[in-house]
């Protein structure tokens, strides 16, 4: 594997690629005899890669922070939208409940009004029937009195009729000397009976 020179093609590599390259260089280093330490032959190249990675790190951190901010802004916006949707749903549900309550109250009021109207109609009908019954009863009493008066008058008229007596009578069946039709007795007084 060919090792990259200190300034070679660094513009094409990201910070992650530079760090991976340093890891690869260190991994390929030879160990010192009778030791676990390694000998780094191209120390300057590794330091340059690390410096380059550090130089690029702030830009990438800025981009990462910007992406995190964008992500947070997106999450905040999404949270606001979801809150607005939930609030709209809550308001709509409240309106529906209120409408249901209004409808229920209106139905209750309508039933109560109809029952009150029926009760009032029943009361008025009974009052009208009582009034008519009273008027008919008083009319019946007046009619009974009138019938009694008529009957009494007819009886009196039948008792007053006398036999016909002579040719000089002015009215057939009534004598001139007969004073039953003359004076006060000749008129029928209905209030007397």
C-alpha atoms as a PDB file:
ATOM      1  CA  UNK A   1       0.000   0.000   0.000  1.00  0.00           C
ATOM      2  CA  UNK A   2       1.396   3.353  -1.062  1.00  0.00           C
ATOM      3  CA  UNK A   3       1.798   5.907   1.651  1.00  0.00           C
ATOM      4  CA  UNK A   4       0.575   9.429   0.985  1.00  0.00           C
ATOM      5  CA  UNK A   5       3.092  12.230   1.041  1.00  0.00           C
ATOM      6  CA  UNK A   6       2.693  15.048   3.573  1.00  0.00           C
ATOM      7  CA  UNK A   7       0.846  17.531   1.291  1.00  0.00           C
ATOM      8  CA  UNK A   8      -0.474  15.084  -1.266  1.00  0.00           C
ATOM      9  CA  UNK A   9      -4.229  15.097  -1.982  1.00  0.00           C
ATOM     10  CA  UNK A  10      -5.264  16.363   1.420  1.00  0.00           C
ATOM     11  CA  UNK A  11      -7.945  18.613  -0.015  1.00  0.00           C
ATOM     12  CA  UNK A  12      -9.927  15.603  -1.160  1.00  0.00           C
ATOM     13  CA  UNK A  13      -9.973  13.931   2.238  1.00  0.00           C
ATOM     14  CA  UNK A  14     -12.272  14.681   5.103  1.00  0.00           C
ATOM     15  CA  UNK A  15     -11.144  14.849   8.698  1.00  0.00           C
ATOM     16  CA  UNK A  16     -12.362  11.321   9.232  1.00  0.00           C
ATOM     17  CA  UNK A  17     -10.250  10.061   6.314  1.00  0.00           C
ATOM     18  CA  UNK A  18      -7.166  11.851   7.675  1.00  0.00           C
ATOM     19  CA  UNK A  19      -7.630  10.314  11.112  1.00  0.00           C
ATOM     20  CA  UNK A  20      -8.139   6.877   9.570  1.00  0.00           C
ATOM     21  CA  UNK A  21      -4.904   7.385   7.607  1.00  0.00           C
ATOM     22  CA  UNK A  22      -3.003   8.223  10.832  1.00  0.00           C
ATOM     23  CA  UNK A  23      -4.443   5.095  12.468  1.00  0.00           C
ATOM     24  CA  UNK A  24      -3.315   3.036   9.476  1.00  0.00           C
ATOM     25  CA  UNK A  25       0.225   4.480   9.631  1.00  0.00           C
ATOM     26  CA  UNK A  26       0.507   3.766  13.348  1.00  0.00           C
ATOM     27  CA  UNK A  27      -0.935   0.315  12.873  1.00  0.00           C
ATOM     28  CA  UNK A  28       1.676  -0.477  10.219  1.00  0.00           C
ATOM     29  CA  UNK A  29       4.609   0.660  12.382  1.00  0.00           C
ATOM     30  CA  UNK A  30       7.230  -1.892  13.344  1.00  0.00           C
ATOM     31  CA  UNK A  31       7.644  -2.906  16.941  1.00  0.00           C
ATOM     32  CA  UNK A  32      11.019  -2.506  18.588  1.00  0.00           C
ATOM     33  CA  UNK A  33      12.826  -5.741  19.378  1.00  0.00           C
ATOM     34  CA  UNK A  34      12.125  -7.080  22.861  1.00  0.00           C
ATOM     35  CA  UNK A  35       9.553  -4.323  23.518  1.00  0.00           C
ATOM     36  CA  UNK A  36       5.946  -3.520  22.947  1.00  0.00           C
ATOM     37  CA  UNK A  37       6.831  -0.031  21.763  1.00  0.00           C
ATOM     38  CA  UNK A  38       6.725   0.856  18.092  1.00  0.00           C
ATOM     39  CA  UNK A  39       9.051   2.852  15.969  1.00  0.00           C
ATOM     40  CA  UNK A  40       7.378   5.650  14.054  1.00  0.00           C
ATOM     41  CA  UNK A  41       9.345   6.244  10.891  1.00  0.00           C
ATOM     42  CA  UNK A  42       7.213   9.015   9.396  1.00  0.00           C
ATOM     43  CA  UNK A  43       6.461  11.086  12.478  1.00  0.00           C
ATOM     44  CA  UNK A  44       6.314  14.328  10.495  1.00  0.00           C
ATOM     45  CA  UNK A  45       3.717  12.903   8.128  1.00  0.00           C
ATOM     46  CA  UNK A  46       1.515  11.762  11.024  1.00  0.00           C
ATOM     47  CA  UNK A  47       1.809  15.165  12.692  1.00  0.00           C
ATOM     48  CA  UNK A  48       0.863  16.880   9.430  1.00  0.00           C
ATOM     49  CA  UNK A  49      -2.182  14.639   9.049  1.00  0.00           C
ATOM     50  CA  UNK A  50      -3.217  15.407  12.639  1.00  0.00           C
ATOM     51  CA  UNK A  51      -2.666  19.147  12.128  1.00  0.00           C
ATOM     52  CA  UNK A  52      -4.721  19.015   8.933  1.00  0.00           C
ATOM     53  CA  UNK A  53      -7.463  17.097  10.748  1.00  0.00           C
ATOM     54  CA  UNK A  54      -7.446  19.692  13.544  1.00  0.00           C
ATOM     55  CA  UNK A  55      -7.580  22.499  11.005  1.00  0.00           C
ATOM     56  CA  UNK A  56     -10.577  20.926   9.312  1.00  0.00           C
ATOM     57  CA  UNK A  57     -12.263  19.994  12.573  1.00  0.00           C
ATOM     58  CA  UNK A  58     -13.624  23.476  13.375  1.00  0.00           C
ATOM     59  CA  UNK A  59     -15.308  23.711   9.951  1.00  0.00           C
ATOM     60  CA  UNK A  60     -16.831  20.278  10.349  1.00  0.00           C
ATOM     61  CA  UNK A  61     -17.838  21.080  13.912  1.00  0.00           C
ATOM     62  CA  UNK A  62     -19.464  24.249  12.624  1.00  0.00           C
ATOM     63  CA  UNK A  63     -21.300  22.210  10.011  1.00  0.00           C
ATOM     64  CA  UNK A  64     -22.261  19.609  12.614  1.00  0.00           C
ATOM     65  CA  UNK A  65     -23.469  22.341  14.980  1.00  0.00           C
ATOM     66  CA  UNK A  66     -25.400  23.927  12.124  1.00  0.00           C
ATOM     67  CA  UNK A  67     -26.916  20.532  11.302  1.00  0.00           C
ATOM     68  CA  UNK A  68     -27.763  19.987  14.968  1.00  0.00           C
ATOM     69  CA  UNK A  69     -29.317  23.448  15.106  1.00  0.00           C
ATOM     70  CA  UNK A  70     -31.246  22.727  11.909  1.00  0.00           C
ATOM     71  CA  UNK A  71     -32.318  19.431  13.406  1.00  0.00           C
ATOM     72  CA  UNK A  72     -33.361  21.150  16.642  1.00  0.00           C
ATOM     73  CA  UNK A  73     -35.186  23.857  14.672  1.00  0.00           C
ATOM     74  CA  UNK A  74     -36.930  21.149  12.683  1.00  0.00           C
ATOM     75  CA  UNK A  75     -37.831  19.287  15.885  1.00  0.00           C
ATOM     76  CA  UNK A  76     -39.066  22.526  17.485  1.00  0.00           C
ATOM     77  CA  UNK A  77     -41.106  23.359  14.395  1.00  0.00           C
ATOM     78  CA  UNK A  78     -42.516  19.838  14.323  1.00  0.00           C
ATOM     79  CA  UNK A  79     -43.303  20.053  18.048  1.00  0.00           C
ATOM     80  CA  UNK A  80     -45.045  23.425  17.535  1.00  0.00           C
ATOM     81  CA  UNK A  81     -47.046  22.012  14.634  1.00  0.00           C
ATOM     82  CA  UNK A  82     -48.005  18.941  16.637  1.00  0.00           C
ATOM     83  CA  UNK A  83     -48.968  21.176  19.595  1.00  0.00           C
ATOM     84  CA  UNK A  84     -51.072  23.326  17.263  1.00  0.00           C
ATOM     85  CA  UNK A  85     -52.732  20.222  15.796  1.00  0.00           C
ATOM     86  CA  UNK A  86     -53.415  18.879  19.287  1.00  0.00           C
ATOM     87  CA  UNK A  87     -54.796  22.256  20.415  1.00  0.00           C
ATOM     88  CA  UNK A  88     -57.002  22.476  17.322  1.00  0.00           C
ATOM     89  CA  UNK A  89     -58.239  18.941  17.967  1.00  0.00           C
ATOM     90  CA  UNK A  90     -58.911  19.784  21.618  1.00  0.00           C
ATOM     91  CA  UNK A  91     -60.804  22.955  20.658  1.00  0.00           C
ATOM     92  CA  UNK A  92     -62.775  21.056  18.038  1.00  0.00           C
ATOM     93  CA  UNK A  93     -63.584  18.315  20.515  1.00  0.00           C
ATOM     94  CA  UNK A  94     -64.714  20.947  23.038  1.00  0.00           C
ATOM     95  CA  UNK A  95     -66.893  22.577  20.377  1.00  0.00           C
ATOM     96  CA  UNK A  96     -68.380  19.214  19.491  1.00  0.00           C
ATOM     97  CA  UNK A  97     -69.071  18.529  23.162  1.00  0.00           C
ATOM     98  CA  UNK A  98     -70.574  22.003  23.526  1.00  0.00           C
ATOM     99  CA  UNK A  99     -72.687  21.476  20.429  1.00  0.00           C
ATOM    100  CA  UNK A 100     -73.774  18.131  21.795  1.00  0.00           C
ATOM    101  CA  UNK A 101     -74.596  19.788  25.118  1.00  0.00           C
ATOM    102  CA  UNK A 102     -76.437  22.597  23.324  1.00  0.00           C
ATOM    103  CA  UNK A 103     -78.409  20.084  21.269  1.00  0.00           C
ATOM    104  CA  UNK A 104     -79.156  18.039  24.380  1.00  0.00           C
ATOM    105  CA  UNK A 105     -80.230  21.188  26.263  1.00  0.00           C
ATOM    106  CA  UNK A 106     -82.335  22.326  23.296  1.00  0.00           C
ATOM    107  CA  UNK A 107     -84.027  18.941  23.119  1.00  0.00           C
ATOM    108  CA  UNK A 108     -84.670  19.033  26.851  1.00  0.00           C
ATOM    109  CA  UNK A 109     -86.078  22.575  26.588  1.00  0.00           C
ATOM    110  CA  UNK A 110     -88.231  21.569  23.612  1.00  0.00           C
ATOM    111  CA  UNK A 111     -89.639  18.556  25.486  1.00  0.00           C
ATOM    112  CA  UNK A 112     -90.326  20.703  28.549  1.00  0.00           C
ATOM    113  CA  UNK A 113     -91.987  23.401  26.398  1.00  0.00           C
ATOM    114  CA  UNK A 114     -94.176  20.834  24.610  1.00  0.00           C
ATOM    115  CA  UNK A 115     -95.215  19.290  27.935  1.00  0.00           C
ATOM    116  CA  UNK A 116     -95.991  22.730  29.373  1.00  0.00           C
ATOM    117  CA  UNK A 117     -98.023  23.557  26.250  1.00  0.00           C
ATOM    118  CA  UNK A 118     -99.946  20.270  26.560  1.00  0.00           C
ATOM    119  CA  UNK A 119    -100.611  20.935  30.250  1.00  0.00           C
ATOM    120  CA  UNK A 120    -101.792  24.466  29.441  1.00  0.00           C
ATOM    121  CA  UNK A 121    -104.022  23.173  26.617  1.00  0.00           C
ATOM    122  CA  UNK A 122    -105.489  20.539  28.967  1.00  0.00           C
ATOM    123  CA  UNK A 123    -106.129  23.187  31.618  1.00  0.00           C
ATOM    124  CA  UNK A 124    -107.734  25.571  29.114  1.00  0.00           C
ATOM    125  CA  UNK A 125    -109.901  22.773  27.705  1.00  0.00           C
ATOM    126  CA  UNK A 126    -111.083  21.802  31.177  1.00  0.00           C
ATOM    127  CA  UNK A 127    -111.790  25.451  32.050  1.00  0.00           C
ATOM    128  CA  UNK A 128    -113.722  25.854  28.788  1.00  0.00           C
ATOM    129  CA  UNK A 129    -115.699  22.671  29.501  1.00  0.00           C
ATOM    130  CA  UNK A 130    -116.461  23.905  33.041  1.00  0.00           C
ATOM    131  CA  UNK A 131    -117.529  27.303  31.696  1.00  0.00           C
ATOM    132  CA  UNK A 132    -119.778  25.711  29.061  1.00  0.00           C
ATOM    133  CA  UNK A 133    -121.236  23.319  31.651  1.00  0.00           C
ATOM    134  CA  UNK A 134    -122.017  26.247  33.976  1.00  0.00           C
ATOM    135  CA  UNK A 135    -123.632  28.255  31.163  1.00  0.00           C
ATOM    136  CA  UNK A 136    -125.658  25.231  30.019  1.00  0.00           C
ATOM    137  CA  UNK A 137    -126.776  24.565  33.601  1.00  0.00           C
ATOM    138  CA  UNK A 138    -127.916  28.163  34.046  1.00  0.00           C
ATOM    139  CA  UNK A 139    -129.611  28.035  30.620  1.00  0.00           C
ATOM    140  CA  UNK A 140    -131.289  24.778  31.679  1.00  0.00           C
ATOM    141  CA  UNK A 141    -132.608  26.490  34.824  1.00  0.00           C
ATOM    142  CA  UNK A 142    -133.932  29.404  32.748  1.00  0.00           C
ATOM    143  CA  UNK A 143    -135.534  26.963  30.298  1.00  0.00           C
ATOM    144  CA  UNK A 144    -137.138  24.981  33.125  1.00  0.00           C
ATOM    145  CA  UNK A 145    -138.590  28.195  34.584  1.00  0.00           C
ATOM    146  CA  UNK A 146    -139.760  29.266  31.148  1.00  0.00           C
ATOM    147  CA  UNK A 147    -141.409  25.871  30.578  1.00  0.00           C
ATOM    148  CA  UNK A 148    -143.105  26.081  33.983  1.00  0.00           C
ATOM    149  CA  UNK A 149    -144.282  29.604  33.202  1.00  0.00           C
ATOM    150  CA  UNK A 150    -145.588  28.558  29.775  1.00  0.00           C
ATOM    151  CA  UNK A 151    -147.312  25.553  31.305  1.00  0.00           C
ATOM    152  CA  UNK A 152    -148.884  27.654  34.047  1.00  0.00           C
ATOM    153  CA  UNK A 153    -150.021  30.234  31.494  1.00  0.00           C
ATOM    154  CA  UNK A 154    -151.619  27.566  29.347  1.00  0.00           C
ATOM    155  CA  UNK A 155    -153.414  26.103  32.325  1.00  0.00           C
ATOM    156  CA  UNK A 156    -154.730  29.512  33.280  1.00  0.00           C
ATOM    157  CA  UNK A 157    -155.877  30.140  29.712  1.00  0.00           C
ATOM    158  CA  UNK A 158    -157.741  26.850  29.668  1.00  0.00           C
ATOM    159  CA  UNK A 159    -159.468  27.676  32.953  1.00  0.00           C
ATOM    160  CA  UNK A 160    -160.563  31.146  31.756  1.00  0.00           C
ATOM    161  CA  UNK A 161    -162.394  30.045  28.601  1.00  0.00           C
ATOM    162  CA  UNK A 162    -166.229  30.326  29.253  1.00  0.00           C
ATOM    163  CA  UNK A 163    -169.145  29.020  27.244  1.00  0.00           C
ATOM    164  CA  UNK A 164    -170.686  31.278  24.543  1.00  0.00           C
ATOM    165  CA  UNK A 165    -173.883  33.035  25.871  1.00  0.00           C
ATOM    166  CA  UNK A 166    -175.845  35.125  23.475  1.00  0.00           C
ATOM    167  CA  UNK A 167    -175.887  37.028  20.254  1.00  0.00           C
ATOM    168  CA  UNK A 168    -174.847  40.372  21.655  1.00  0.00           C
ATOM    169  CA  UNK A 169    -171.576  39.213  22.656  1.00  0.00           C
ATOM    170  CA  UNK A 170    -168.792  41.093  20.944  1.00  0.00           C
ATOM    171  CA  UNK A 171    -166.302  38.299  21.096  1.00  0.00           C
ATOM    172  CA  UNK A 172    -167.485  34.826  20.590  1.00  0.00           C
ATOM    173  CA  UNK A 173    -167.279  32.959  23.802  1.00  0.00           C
ATOM    174  CA  UNK A 174    -166.752  36.151  25.863  1.00  0.00           C
ATOM    175  CA  UNK A 175    -169.629  37.884  27.617  1.00  0.00           C
ATOM    176  CA  UNK A 176    -169.671  41.718  27.791  1.00  0.00           C
ATOM    177  CA  UNK A 177    -170.261  41.530  31.437  1.00  0.00           C
ATOM    178  CA  UNK A 178    -167.421  39.053  31.807  1.00  0.00           C
ATOM    179  CA  UNK A 179    -164.607  40.942  33.386  1.00  0.00           C
ATOM    180  CA  UNK A 180    -162.009  38.180  33.270  1.00  0.00           C
ATOM    181  CA  UNK A 181    -160.322  39.774  30.273  1.00  0.00           C
ATOM    182  CA  UNK A 182    -160.818  43.309  31.558  1.00  0.00           C
ATOM    183  CA  UNK A 183    -158.731  44.939  34.249  1.00  0.00           C
ATOM    184  CA  UNK A 184    -155.622  43.579  35.855  1.00  0.00           C
ATOM    185  CA  UNK A 185    -156.618  39.939  35.641  1.00  0.00           C
ATOM    186  CA  UNK A 186    -156.826  40.015  31.890  1.00  0.00           C
ATOM    187  CA  UNK A 187    -153.024  39.972  31.441  1.00  0.00           C
ATOM    188  CA  UNK A 188    -150.833  37.048  32.278  1.00  0.00           C
ATOM    189  CA  UNK A 189    -147.993  37.897  34.660  1.00  0.00           C
ATOM    190  CA  UNK A 190    -145.163  35.405  34.242  1.00  0.00           C
ATOM    191  CA  UNK A 191    -143.227  36.710  37.238  1.00  0.00           C
ATOM    192  CA  UNK A 192    -146.059  35.767  39.585  1.00  0.00           C
ATOM    193  CA  UNK A 193    -145.494  32.065  39.033  1.00  0.00           C
END
